Amino acid sequence: MKAPDKIRVKRVPKRGVYDKETIYRILDTDYTCTVSFMHRGVPVGIPTIYGRKGNTLYLHGAGTSRMMLELDKGIDICVTVFNVHALVLAKSAFHHSLNYESVVVFGKGKAIDADQKMDALKAVSDQILKGRWEESRLPNEKELKATTVIAIEIDEASAKIRTGPPSDDKADENLAIWSGIVPIEKQYMVPLPADDYSSANIADSVKVF
């Protein structure tokens, strides 16, 4: 199926992927994104965390923040996620690259109603660390009132994926220069407790680290 021009990958189009299963999978491997929008005629890109539930992305922040106030106006926004899996080292400097997976979501944001906030905030918490929501004191009425949650439907989105070894020119194949890939993995370290109680009662959610 041909992708709409707005979301179609134009640079190396064979790397473009448009099915929701792949887009969801990439989104679910991370919890950080960059939200880009225009603010008073100036382009702004803000890094933040997100959660996905079904076909919806959730962003949260202080109700007084610039991003929350602007996104609730229904302006056009772009949300990007980028995961690097390896350095790709070619024989030529020109052909060095990265193996990566990325997602670009176009859309408009909308602040959700108060009765939906708790479920949306749980989705964000689960995106970062499953099980932590149930271990925590949940937001009280004052905290919920001070927090805005923006919902963005994942209806205009594309993924781009690069895998494999470097692509050197034929003329460079016999050069005595090392080429290959250097894999990269995100690694969580041993949890560091904040106090004596935490030292003696490690949470189930972090026992996996």
N, C-alpha and C. Protein backbone atom coordinates (compact mmCIF):
# COMPACT_ATOMS: atom_id res chain seq x y z
N MET A 1 0.84 -1.19 0.00
CA MET A 1 0.00 0.00 0.00
C MET A 1 0.88 1.24 0.00
N LYS A 2 0.59 2.17 -0.87
CA LYS A 2 1.37 3.41 -0.96
C LYS A 2 1.01 4.33 0.20
N ALA A 3 2.05 4.83 0.89
CA ALA A 3 1.81 5.71 2.03
C ALA A 3 1.47 7.12 1.56
N PRO A 4 0.62 7.83 2.29
CA PRO A 4 0.35 9.24 1.97
C PRO A 4 1.64 10.04 1.96
N ASP A 5 1.71 11.06 1.12
CA ASP A 5 2.95 11.81 0.95
C ASP A 5 3.45 12.41 2.25
N LYS A 6 2.55 12.80 3.14
CA LYS A 6 2.95 13.45 4.39
C LYS A 6 3.83 12.55 5.25
N ILE A 7 3.55 11.26 5.25
CA ILE A 7 4.30 10.36 6.12
C ILE A 7 5.30 9.48 5.35
N ARG A 8 5.30 9.58 4.04
CA ARG A 8 6.15 8.70 3.23
C ARG A 8 7.62 9.02 3.43
N VAL A 9 8.43 7.98 3.64
CA VAL A 9 9.88 8.13 3.77
C VAL A 9 10.45 8.41 2.40
N LYS A 10 11.14 9.55 2.26
CA LYS A 10 11.64 9.97 0.95
C LYS A 10 13.12 9.65 0.76
N ARG A 11 13.91 9.70 1.80
CA ARG A 11 15.33 9.37 1.72
C ARG A 11 15.48 7.88 2.01
N VAL A 12 15.96 7.11 1.04
CA VAL A 12 16.03 5.65 1.09
C VAL A 12 14.65 5.08 1.42
N PRO A 13 13.70 5.23 0.51
CA PRO A 13 12.31 4.84 0.78
C PRO A 13 12.11 3.37 1.12
N LYS A 14 13.04 2.50 0.72
CA LYS A 14 12.89 1.07 1.03
C LYS A 14 12.96 0.82 2.54
N ARG A 15 13.46 1.76 3.29
CA ARG A 15 13.53 1.60 4.75
C ARG A 15 12.25 2.04 5.44
N GLY A 16 11.32 2.60 4.72
CA GLY A 16 10.07 3.04 5.31
C GLY A 16 9.14 1.88 5.62
N VAL A 17 8.51 1.93 6.77
CA VAL A 17 7.55 0.90 7.21
C VAL A 17 6.32 1.63 7.74
N TYR A 18 5.14 1.13 7.38
CA TYR A 18 3.92 1.89 7.68
C TYR A 18 2.85 1.11 8.42
N ASP A 19 3.08 -0.18 8.69
CA ASP A 19 2.04 -0.94 9.39
C ASP A 19 2.06 -0.62 10.88
N LYS A 20 0.88 -0.63 11.48
CA LYS A 20 0.75 -0.23 12.88
C LYS A 20 1.47 -1.18 13.83
N GLU A 21 1.53 -2.47 13.49
CA GLU A 21 2.20 -3.41 14.37
C GLU A 21 3.66 -3.04 14.57
N THR A 22 4.35 -2.68 13.47
CA THR A 22 5.76 -2.28 13.57
C THR A 22 5.90 -0.96 14.31
N ILE A 23 5.03 -0.02 14.00
CA ILE A 23 5.08 1.29 14.67
C ILE A 23 4.84 1.13 16.17
N TYR A 24 3.85 0.33 16.55
CA TYR A 24 3.60 0.09 17.97
C TYR A 24 4.81 -0.58 18.63
N ARG A 25 5.40 -1.57 17.96
CA ARG A 25 6.54 -2.28 18.54
C ARG A 25 7.70 -1.35 18.84
N ILE A 26 8.01 -0.47 17.89
CA ILE A 26 9.12 0.47 18.10
C ILE A 26 8.78 1.45 19.23
N LEU A 27 7.57 1.96 19.23
CA LEU A 27 7.17 2.88 20.30
C LEU A 27 7.27 2.20 21.67
N ASP A 28 6.96 0.92 21.72
CA ASP A 28 6.94 0.22 23.00
C ASP A 28 8.32 -0.17 23.50
N THR A 29 9.36 0.03 22.69
CA THR A 29 10.71 -0.28 23.14
C THR A 29 11.36 0.89 23.88
N ASP A 30 10.67 2.02 23.95
CA ASP A 30 11.26 3.20 24.59
C ASP A 30 10.18 3.97 25.33
N TYR A 31 10.58 5.10 25.93
CA TYR A 31 9.62 5.95 26.63
C TYR A 31 9.99 7.43 26.53
N THR A 32 11.00 7.74 25.72
CA THR A 32 11.38 9.14 25.51
C THR A 32 11.13 9.53 24.06
N CYS A 33 10.75 10.77 23.86
CA CYS A 33 10.46 11.27 22.52
C CYS A 33 10.80 12.75 22.47
N THR A 34 10.76 13.29 21.26
CA THR A 34 10.87 14.73 21.07
C THR A 34 9.57 15.22 20.46
N VAL A 35 8.98 16.25 21.06
CA VAL A 35 7.73 16.83 20.58
C VAL A 35 8.07 18.17 19.92
N SER A 36 7.74 18.30 18.64
CA SER A 36 8.08 19.51 17.88
C SER A 36 6.81 20.24 17.47
N PHE A 37 6.86 21.58 17.59
CA PHE A 37 5.71 22.41 17.24
C PHE A 37 6.19 23.85 17.07
N MET A 38 5.33 24.66 16.52
CA MET A 38 5.63 26.09 16.37
C MET A 38 5.07 26.85 17.56
N HIS A 39 5.89 27.74 18.12
CA HIS A 39 5.47 28.57 19.24
C HIS A 39 5.85 30.01 18.97
N ARG A 40 4.85 30.83 18.75
CA ARG A 40 5.06 32.26 18.45
C ARG A 40 6.00 32.44 17.26
N GLY A 41 5.79 31.60 16.25
CA GLY A 41 6.56 31.72 15.02
C GLY A 41 7.93 31.09 15.06
N VAL A 42 8.26 30.42 16.17
CA VAL A 42 9.58 29.81 16.33
C VAL A 42 9.42 28.30 16.46
N PRO A 43 10.20 27.50 15.71
CA PRO A 43 10.12 26.05 15.87
C PRO A 43 10.73 25.61 17.20
N VAL A 44 10.02 24.74 17.91
CA VAL A 44 10.45 24.27 19.22
C VAL A 44 10.43 22.74 19.23
N GLY A 45 11.47 22.12 19.78
CA GLY A 45 11.50 20.68 19.98
C GLY A 45 11.80 20.38 21.44
N ILE A 46 10.90 19.70 22.11
CA ILE A 46 11.04 19.46 23.54
C ILE A 46 11.11 17.96 23.82
N PRO A 47 12.18 17.50 24.46
CA PRO A 47 12.27 16.09 24.84
C PRO A 47 11.38 15.83 26.05
N THR A 48 10.68 14.70 26.04
CA THR A 48 9.80 14.37 27.16
C THR A 48 9.57 12.87 27.16
N ILE A 49 8.76 12.38 28.09
CA ILE A 49 8.41 10.97 28.14
C ILE A 49 6.99 10.79 27.64
N TYR A 50 6.67 9.55 27.26
CA TYR A 50 5.34 9.28 26.73
C TYR A 50 4.89 7.90 27.17
N GLY A 51 3.61 7.65 26.97
CA GLY A 51 3.06 6.32 27.15
C GLY A 51 2.13 6.02 26.00
N ARG A 52 2.05 4.76 25.62
CA ARG A 52 1.11 4.36 24.57
C ARG A 52 0.09 3.40 25.14
N LYS A 53 -1.17 3.63 24.81
CA LYS A 53 -2.24 2.69 25.12
C LYS A 53 -3.13 2.60 23.89
N GLY A 54 -3.18 1.42 23.28
CA GLY A 54 -3.94 1.29 22.05
C GLY A 54 -3.35 2.16 20.96
N ASN A 55 -4.18 2.94 20.32
CA ASN A 55 -3.73 3.80 19.22
C ASN A 55 -3.48 5.24 19.67
N THR A 56 -3.24 5.42 20.97
CA THR A 56 -3.08 6.77 21.52
C THR A 56 -1.75 6.92 22.24
N LEU A 57 -1.07 8.04 21.98
CA LEU A 57 0.10 8.44 22.76
C LEU A 57 -0.34 9.43 23.82
N TYR A 58 0.23 9.32 25.02
CA TYR A 58 -0.07 10.26 26.09
C TYR A 58 1.20 11.00 26.50
N LEU A 59 1.09 12.31 26.61
CA LEU A 59 2.16 13.17 27.13
C LEU A 59 1.61 13.84 28.37
N HIS A 60 2.44 14.06 29.38
CA HIS A 60 1.93 14.74 30.57
C HIS A 60 2.93 15.79 31.03
N GLY A 61 2.41 16.76 31.76
CA GLY A 61 3.26 17.82 32.28
C GLY A 61 2.45 18.78 33.12
N ALA A 62 3.13 19.77 33.67
CA ALA A 62 2.44 20.79 34.47
C ALA A 62 1.45 21.54 33.60
N GLY A 63 0.28 21.81 34.15
CA GLY A 63 -0.74 22.51 33.39
C GLY A 63 -0.32 23.89 32.93
N THR A 64 0.71 24.45 33.58
CA THR A 64 1.19 25.79 33.24
C THR A 64 2.34 25.76 32.23
N SER A 65 2.78 24.57 31.81
CA SER A 65 3.93 24.50 30.92
C SER A 65 3.57 24.97 29.52
N ARG A 66 4.55 25.53 28.84
CA ARG A 66 4.35 26.04 27.48
C ARG A 66 3.86 24.94 26.56
N MET A 67 4.47 23.76 26.66
CA MET A 67 4.11 22.69 25.75
C MET A 67 2.66 22.24 25.96
N MET A 68 2.26 22.04 27.21
CA MET A 68 0.89 21.60 27.48
C MET A 68 -0.13 22.64 27.01
N LEU A 69 0.15 23.90 27.26
CA LEU A 69 -0.77 24.96 26.85
C LEU A 69 -0.89 25.04 25.33
N GLU A 70 0.23 24.90 24.63
CA GLU A 70 0.20 25.00 23.17
C GLU A 70 -0.45 23.77 22.54
N LEU A 71 -0.10 22.59 23.03
CA LEU A 71 -0.65 21.37 22.43
C LEU A 71 -2.16 21.28 22.60
N ASP A 72 -2.67 21.81 23.70
CA ASP A 72 -4.12 21.75 23.93
C ASP A 72 -4.90 22.65 22.98
N LYS A 73 -4.20 23.52 22.24
CA LYS A 73 -4.87 24.38 21.27
C LYS A 73 -5.20 23.65 19.97
N GLY A 74 -4.73 22.41 19.85
CA GLY A 74 -5.00 21.64 18.64
C GLY A 74 -4.10 22.00 17.48
N ILE A 75 -2.90 22.50 17.78
CA ILE A 75 -1.96 22.86 16.73
C ILE A 75 -1.33 21.60 16.14
N ASP A 76 -0.74 21.74 14.96
CA ASP A 76 -0.03 20.62 14.34
C ASP A 76 1.25 20.33 15.12
N ILE A 77 1.48 19.06 15.40
CA ILE A 77 2.68 18.66 16.13
C ILE A 77 3.31 17.45 15.46
N CYS A 78 4.57 17.20 15.82
CA CYS A 78 5.31 16.04 15.32
C CYS A 78 6.03 15.40 16.50
N VAL A 79 5.79 14.12 16.71
CA VAL A 79 6.43 13.38 17.79
C VAL A 79 7.40 12.37 17.17
N THR A 80 8.65 12.39 17.62
CA THR A 80 9.65 11.48 17.05
C THR A 80 10.30 10.63 18.14
N VAL A 81 10.55 9.37 17.79
CA VAL A 81 11.26 8.42 18.65
C VAL A 81 12.38 7.82 17.83
N PHE A 82 13.58 7.72 18.41
CA PHE A 82 14.76 7.27 17.65
C PHE A 82 15.60 6.36 18.53
N ASN A 83 15.72 5.09 18.13
CA ASN A 83 16.51 4.12 18.88
C ASN A 83 17.69 3.65 18.03
N VAL A 84 18.91 3.81 18.53
CA VAL A 84 20.12 3.38 17.82
C VAL A 84 20.55 2.01 18.34
N HIS A 85 20.80 1.07 17.41
CA HIS A 85 21.16 -0.29 17.79
C HIS A 85 22.62 -0.64 17.47
N ALA A 86 23.27 0.12 16.59
CA ALA A 86 24.67 -0.19 16.27
C ALA A 86 25.31 0.96 15.50
N LEU A 87 26.62 1.11 15.68
CA LEU A 87 27.41 1.95 14.79
C LEU A 87 27.74 1.12 13.56
N VAL A 88 27.61 1.70 12.40
CA VAL A 88 27.94 1.01 11.15
C VAL A 88 29.20 1.67 10.59
N LEU A 89 30.33 0.96 10.66
CA LEU A 89 31.62 1.52 10.28
C LEU A 89 32.05 0.95 8.93
N ALA A 90 32.05 1.81 7.95
CA ALA A 90 32.42 1.40 6.59
C ALA A 90 33.90 1.65 6.34
N LYS A 91 34.39 1.23 5.20
CA LYS A 91 35.77 1.51 4.82
C LYS A 91 35.94 2.97 4.41
N SER A 92 34.89 3.56 3.85
CA SER A 92 34.93 4.97 3.48
C SER A 92 34.17 5.80 4.51
N ALA A 93 34.64 7.01 4.76
CA ALA A 93 33.96 7.89 5.71
C ALA A 93 32.54 8.19 5.25
N PHE A 94 32.35 8.28 3.94
CA PHE A 94 31.05 8.65 3.39
C PHE A 94 29.96 7.65 3.75
N HIS A 95 30.31 6.37 3.82
CA HIS A 95 29.31 5.32 4.01
C HIS A 95 29.14 4.88 5.46
N HIS A 96 29.75 5.59 6.40
CA HIS A 96 29.47 5.30 7.81
C HIS A 96 28.00 5.61 8.09
N SER A 97 27.42 4.84 8.99
CA SER A 97 25.99 5.01 9.26
C SER A 97 25.65 4.48 10.65
N LEU A 98 24.37 4.30 10.92
CA LEU A 98 23.86 3.71 12.14
C LEU A 98 22.82 2.67 11.77
N ASN A 99 22.70 1.62 12.56
CA ASN A 99 21.53 0.77 12.50
C ASN A 99 20.55 1.30 13.54
N TYR A 100 19.33 1.52 13.12
CA TYR A 100 18.38 2.22 14.00
C TYR A 100 16.95 1.86 13.63
N GLU A 101 16.05 2.24 14.53
CA GLU A 101 14.61 2.22 14.28
C GLU A 101 14.05 3.56 14.75
N SER A 102 13.21 4.16 13.94
CA SER A 102 12.63 5.44 14.33
C SER A 102 11.16 5.47 13.95
N VAL A 103 10.42 6.32 14.64
CA VAL A 103 9.01 6.54 14.34
C VAL A 103 8.74 8.03 14.35
N VAL A 104 7.95 8.47 13.37
CA VAL A 104 7.50 9.86 13.30
C VAL A 104 5.97 9.84 13.31
N VAL A 105 5.39 10.58 14.24
CA VAL A 105 3.93 10.67 14.35
C VAL A 105 3.52 12.12 14.12
N PHE A 106 2.63 12.35 13.16
CA PHE A 106 2.04 13.66 12.94
C PHE A 106 0.64 13.68 13.54
N GLY A 107 0.24 14.81 14.08
CA GLY A 107 -1.11 14.87 14.62
C GLY A 107 -1.39 16.16 15.36
N LYS A 108 -2.47 16.13 16.09
CA LYS A 108 -2.88 17.25 16.94
C LYS A 108 -3.15 16.70 18.33
N GLY A 109 -2.85 17.48 19.33
CA GLY A 109 -3.06 17.05 20.71
C GLY A 109 -4.37 17.57 21.28
N LYS A 110 -4.84 16.88 22.31
CA LYS A 110 -6.05 17.31 23.00
C LYS A 110 -5.94 16.91 24.46
N ALA A 111 -6.18 17.86 25.36
CA ALA A 111 -6.16 17.55 26.79
C ALA A 111 -7.33 16.64 27.13
N ILE A 112 -7.07 15.59 27.90
CA ILE A 112 -8.13 14.65 28.23
C ILE A 112 -8.88 15.11 29.47
N ASP A 113 -10.07 14.56 29.67
CA ASP A 113 -10.90 14.91 30.81
C ASP A 113 -10.30 14.37 32.11
N ALA A 114 -10.71 14.96 33.21
CA ALA A 114 -10.16 14.58 34.52
C ALA A 114 -10.40 13.11 34.83
N ASP A 115 -11.54 12.56 34.42
CA ASP A 115 -11.85 11.17 34.76
C ASP A 115 -11.02 10.17 33.95
N GLN A 116 -10.27 10.65 32.95
CA GLN A 116 -9.41 9.78 32.14
C GLN A 116 -7.94 9.86 32.56
N LYS A 117 -7.61 10.83 33.40
CA LYS A 117 -6.20 11.10 33.71
C LYS A 117 -5.51 9.94 34.37
N MET A 118 -6.17 9.30 35.33
CA MET A 118 -5.50 8.25 36.08
C MET A 118 -5.07 7.10 35.16
N ASP A 119 -5.95 6.69 34.26
CA ASP A 119 -5.60 5.62 33.33
C ASP A 119 -4.47 6.03 32.40
N ALA A 120 -4.49 7.29 31.95
CA ALA A 120 -3.45 7.78 31.05
C ALA A 120 -2.10 7.86 31.76
N LEU A 121 -2.10 8.33 32.99
CA LEU A 121 -0.86 8.43 33.75
C LEU A 121 -0.30 7.05 34.07
N LYS A 122 -1.18 6.09 34.29
CA LYS A 122 -0.72 4.71 34.49
C LYS A 122 -0.05 4.18 33.22
N ALA A 123 -0.61 4.54 32.05
CA ALA A 123 0.00 4.12 30.78
C ALA A 123 1.41 4.67 30.64
N VAL A 124 1.62 5.92 31.05
CA VAL A 124 2.96 6.52 31.00
C VAL A 124 3.90 5.80 31.97
N SER A 125 3.41 5.55 33.18
CA SER A 125 4.22 4.86 34.19
C SER A 125 4.59 3.45 33.72
N ASP A 126 3.62 2.73 33.17
CA ASP A 126 3.88 1.37 32.67
C ASP A 126 4.87 1.37 31.52
N GLN A 127 4.86 2.44 30.71
CA GLN A 127 5.79 2.53 29.58
C GLN A 127 7.23 2.54 30.08
N ILE A 128 7.44 3.19 31.22
CA ILE A 128 8.79 3.32 31.78
C ILE A 128 9.18 2.09 32.58
N LEU A 129 8.29 1.65 33.48
CA LEU A 129 8.60 0.53 34.37
C LEU A 129 7.30 -0.13 34.83
N LYS A 130 6.98 -1.26 34.23
CA LYS A 130 5.75 -1.96 34.58
C LYS A 130 5.78 -2.39 36.05
N GLY A 131 4.63 -2.22 36.73
CA GLY A 131 4.50 -2.62 38.12
C GLY A 131 4.77 -1.51 39.10
N ARG A 132 5.46 -0.43 38.66
CA ARG A 132 5.80 0.64 39.59
C ARG A 132 4.56 1.42 40.02
N TRP A 133 3.60 1.58 39.12
CA TRP A 133 2.37 2.31 39.43
C TRP A 133 1.67 1.70 40.64
N GLU A 134 1.58 0.38 40.66
CA GLU A 134 0.89 -0.32 41.74
C GLU A 134 1.65 -0.21 43.07
N GLU A 135 2.95 0.01 43.01
CA GLU A 135 3.76 0.13 44.23
C GLU A 135 3.75 1.53 44.82
N SER A 136 3.33 2.52 44.02
CA SER A 136 3.47 3.92 44.40
C SER A 136 2.20 4.48 45.06
N ARG A 137 2.36 5.59 45.80
CA ARG A 137 1.19 6.35 46.21
C ARG A 137 0.64 7.02 44.96
N LEU A 138 -0.61 6.83 44.67
CA LEU A 138 -1.19 7.38 43.45
C LEU A 138 -1.44 8.87 43.59
N PRO A 139 -1.51 9.60 42.46
CA PRO A 139 -1.73 11.05 42.52
C PRO A 139 -3.00 11.41 43.27
N ASN A 140 -2.90 12.44 44.11
CA ASN A 140 -4.09 12.91 44.81
C ASN A 140 -4.81 13.96 43.96
N GLU A 141 -5.91 14.46 44.46
CA GLU A 141 -6.74 15.39 43.69
C GLU A 141 -5.97 16.66 43.31
N LYS A 142 -5.17 17.17 44.24
CA LYS A 142 -4.40 18.39 43.96
C LYS A 142 -3.37 18.14 42.86
N GLU A 143 -2.70 16.99 42.91
CA GLU A 143 -1.68 16.66 41.92
C GLU A 143 -2.31 16.43 40.54
N LEU A 144 -3.45 15.77 40.52
CA LEU A 144 -4.14 15.56 39.25
C LEU A 144 -4.58 16.88 38.63
N LYS A 145 -5.04 17.79 39.47
CA LYS A 145 -5.50 19.09 38.97
C LYS A 145 -4.35 19.90 38.38
N ALA A 146 -3.15 19.72 38.94
CA ALA A 146 -1.98 20.48 38.47
C ALA A 146 -1.35 19.86 37.22
N THR A 147 -1.82 18.68 36.83
CA THR A 147 -1.22 17.95 35.71
C THR A 147 -2.15 17.94 34.50
N THR A 148 -1.59 18.26 33.35
CA THR A 148 -2.33 18.14 32.09
C THR A 148 -1.82 16.92 31.34
N VAL A 149 -2.74 16.16 30.77
CA VAL A 149 -2.37 15.02 29.94
C VAL A 149 -2.91 15.25 28.54
N ILE A 150 -2.02 15.19 27.57
CA ILE A 150 -2.39 15.39 26.16
C ILE A 150 -2.45 14.04 25.46
N ALA A 151 -3.53 13.81 24.72
CA ALA A 151 -3.69 12.59 23.94
C ALA A 151 -3.46 12.89 22.46
N ILE A 152 -2.71 12.02 21.79
CA ILE A 152 -2.43 12.15 20.36
C ILE A 152 -2.74 10.82 19.69
N GLU A 153 -3.63 10.82 18.72
CA GLU A 153 -3.96 9.59 18.02
C GLU A 153 -2.84 9.26 17.01
N ILE A 154 -2.49 7.97 16.93
CA ILE A 154 -1.41 7.53 16.04
C ILE A 154 -2.02 7.16 14.69
N ASP A 155 -2.57 8.15 14.01
CA ASP A 155 -3.24 7.89 12.73
C ASP A 155 -2.39 8.27 11.53
N GLU A 156 -1.42 9.16 11.72
CA GLU A 156 -0.49 9.54 10.65
C GLU A 156 0.93 9.30 11.17
N ALA A 157 1.48 8.15 10.82
CA ALA A 157 2.79 7.78 11.37
C ALA A 157 3.54 6.89 10.39
N SER A 158 4.85 6.94 10.48
CA SER A 158 5.70 6.05 9.70
C SER A 158 6.90 5.65 10.53
N ALA A 159 7.47 4.50 10.19
CA ALA A 159 8.70 4.04 10.81
C ALA A 159 9.79 3.99 9.75
N LYS A 160 11.03 4.09 10.19
CA LYS A 160 12.17 3.93 9.30
C LYS A 160 13.19 3.06 10.01
N ILE A 161 13.68 2.04 9.31
CA ILE A 161 14.56 1.04 9.94
C ILE A 161 15.77 0.78 9.05
N ARG A 162 16.97 0.81 9.66
CA ARG A 162 18.17 0.37 8.96
C ARG A 162 18.79 -0.77 9.73
N THR A 163 19.14 -1.86 9.04
CA THR A 163 19.82 -2.99 9.65
C THR A 163 20.96 -3.43 8.73
N GLY A 164 21.83 -4.29 9.26
CA GLY A 164 22.84 -4.91 8.41
C GLY A 164 24.19 -4.23 8.41
N PRO A 165 25.10 -4.75 7.61
CA PRO A 165 26.49 -4.26 7.55
C PRO A 165 26.60 -2.97 6.74
N PRO A 166 27.81 -2.41 6.68
CA PRO A 166 28.02 -1.21 5.86
C PRO A 166 27.86 -1.51 4.37
N SER A 167 27.60 -0.46 3.62
CA SER A 167 27.44 -0.58 2.16
C SER A 167 28.56 0.19 1.48
N ASP A 168 29.70 -0.44 1.36
CA ASP A 168 30.84 0.23 0.73
C ASP A 168 30.77 0.16 -0.78
N ASP A 169 31.46 1.08 -1.43
CA ASP A 169 31.57 1.04 -2.89
C ASP A 169 32.43 -0.16 -3.29
N LYS A 170 32.17 -0.69 -4.47
CA LYS A 170 32.91 -1.84 -4.99
C LYS A 170 34.41 -1.56 -5.00
N ALA A 171 34.76 -0.32 -5.35
CA ALA A 171 36.18 0.03 -5.47
C ALA A 171 36.90 0.02 -4.12
N ASP A 172 36.14 0.07 -3.02
CA ASP A 172 36.76 0.12 -1.69
C ASP A 172 36.83 -1.24 -1.00
N GLU A 173 36.28 -2.27 -1.60
CA GLU A 173 36.16 -3.55 -0.92
C GLU A 173 37.49 -4.16 -0.50
N ASN A 174 38.54 -3.92 -1.24
CA ASN A 174 39.84 -4.54 -0.93
C ASN A 174 40.77 -3.63 -0.14
N LEU A 175 40.27 -2.49 0.31
CA LEU A 175 41.09 -1.62 1.15
C LEU A 175 41.35 -2.28 2.49
N ALA A 176 42.58 -2.14 2.99
CA ALA A 176 42.95 -2.76 4.27
C ALA A 176 42.48 -1.90 5.43
N ILE A 177 41.17 -1.73 5.52
CA ILE A 177 40.54 -0.92 6.55
C ILE A 177 39.45 -1.77 7.22
N TRP A 178 39.44 -1.79 8.55
CA TRP A 178 38.42 -2.58 9.25
C TRP A 178 37.05 -1.97 9.00
N SER A 179 36.08 -2.84 8.75
CA SER A 179 34.69 -2.39 8.62
C SER A 179 33.78 -3.40 9.31
N GLY A 180 32.61 -2.95 9.72
CA GLY A 180 31.67 -3.82 10.42
C GLY A 180 30.72 -2.99 11.25
N ILE A 181 30.09 -3.65 12.23
CA ILE A 181 29.17 -2.92 13.10
C ILE A 181 29.60 -3.06 14.55
N VAL A 182 29.24 -2.06 15.34
CA VAL A 182 29.47 -2.08 16.79
C VAL A 182 28.10 -2.04 17.46
N PRO A 183 27.61 -3.18 17.97
CA PRO A 183 26.28 -3.21 18.58
C PRO A 183 26.20 -2.31 19.82
N ILE A 184 25.03 -1.75 20.04
CA ILE A 184 24.77 -0.88 21.19
C ILE A 184 23.55 -1.43 21.92
N GLU A 185 23.66 -1.56 23.24
CA GLU A 185 22.54 -2.01 24.04
C GLU A 185 22.30 -1.05 25.20
N LYS A 186 21.01 -0.77 25.47
CA LYS A 186 20.66 -0.02 26.68
C LYS A 186 20.72 -0.96 27.87
N GLN A 187 21.44 -0.57 28.91
CA GLN A 187 21.62 -1.45 30.06
C GLN A 187 21.23 -0.74 31.35
N TYR A 188 20.35 -1.36 32.11
CA TYR A 188 20.01 -0.83 33.44
C TYR A 188 21.00 -1.39 34.45
N MET A 189 21.41 -0.55 35.38
CA MET A 189 22.38 -0.95 36.39
C MET A 189 21.66 -1.38 37.66
N VAL A 190 22.43 -1.77 38.68
CA VAL A 190 21.86 -2.20 39.95
C VAL A 190 21.16 -1.01 40.62
N PRO A 191 19.91 -1.17 41.07
CA PRO A 191 19.18 -0.07 41.70
C PRO A 191 19.89 0.42 42.96
N LEU A 192 19.86 1.74 43.19
CA LEU A 192 20.48 2.35 44.37
C LEU A 192 19.38 2.87 45.28
N PRO A 193 19.21 2.30 46.47
CA PRO A 193 18.12 2.72 47.37
C PRO A 193 18.32 4.13 47.89
N ALA A 194 17.19 4.79 48.21
CA ALA A 194 17.24 6.17 48.68
C ALA A 194 17.38 6.26 50.19
N ASP A 195 17.02 5.18 50.91
CA ASP A 195 17.06 5.23 52.37
C ASP A 195 17.17 3.80 52.92
N ASP A 196 17.27 3.69 54.25
CA ASP A 196 17.42 2.38 54.87
C ASP A 196 16.23 1.48 54.62
N TYR A 197 15.03 2.05 54.63
CA TYR A 197 13.83 1.23 54.38
C TYR A 197 13.88 0.63 52.98
N SER A 198 14.27 1.47 52.01
CA SER A 198 14.34 0.98 50.63
C SER A 198 15.40 -0.10 50.47
N SER A 199 16.48 0.01 51.24
CA SER A 199 17.55 -1.00 51.17
C SER A 199 17.05 -2.37 51.60
N ALA A 200 16.17 -2.37 52.62
CA ALA A 200 15.69 -3.64 53.17
C ALA A 200 14.47 -4.18 52.44
N ASN A 201 13.82 -3.33 51.66
CA ASN A 201 12.56 -3.72 51.03
C ASN A 201 12.56 -3.34 49.55
N ILE A 202 13.41 -3.98 48.77
CA ILE A 202 13.52 -3.63 47.35
C ILE A 202 12.21 -3.94 46.63
N ALA A 203 11.78 -3.03 45.81
CA ALA A 203 10.50 -3.16 45.10
C ALA A 203 10.57 -4.26 44.04
N ASP A 204 9.46 -4.94 43.85
CA ASP A 204 9.41 -6.01 42.84
C ASP A 204 9.71 -5.46 41.45
N SER A 205 9.29 -4.21 41.19
CA SER A 205 9.46 -3.65 39.84
C SER A 205 10.91 -3.47 39.45
N VAL A 206 11.81 -3.35 40.42
CA VAL A 206 13.23 -3.15 40.08
C VAL A 206 14.09 -4.37 40.37
N LYS A 207 13.48 -5.45 40.80
CA LYS A 207 14.26 -6.67 41.07
C LYS A 207 14.84 -7.28 39.81
N VAL A 208 14.30 -6.89 38.66
CA VAL A 208 14.79 -7.46 37.40
C VAL A 208 16.11 -6.85 36.99
N PHE A 209 16.52 -5.76 37.61
CA PHE A 209 17.76 -5.08 37.20
C PHE A 209 18.95 -5.62 37.99
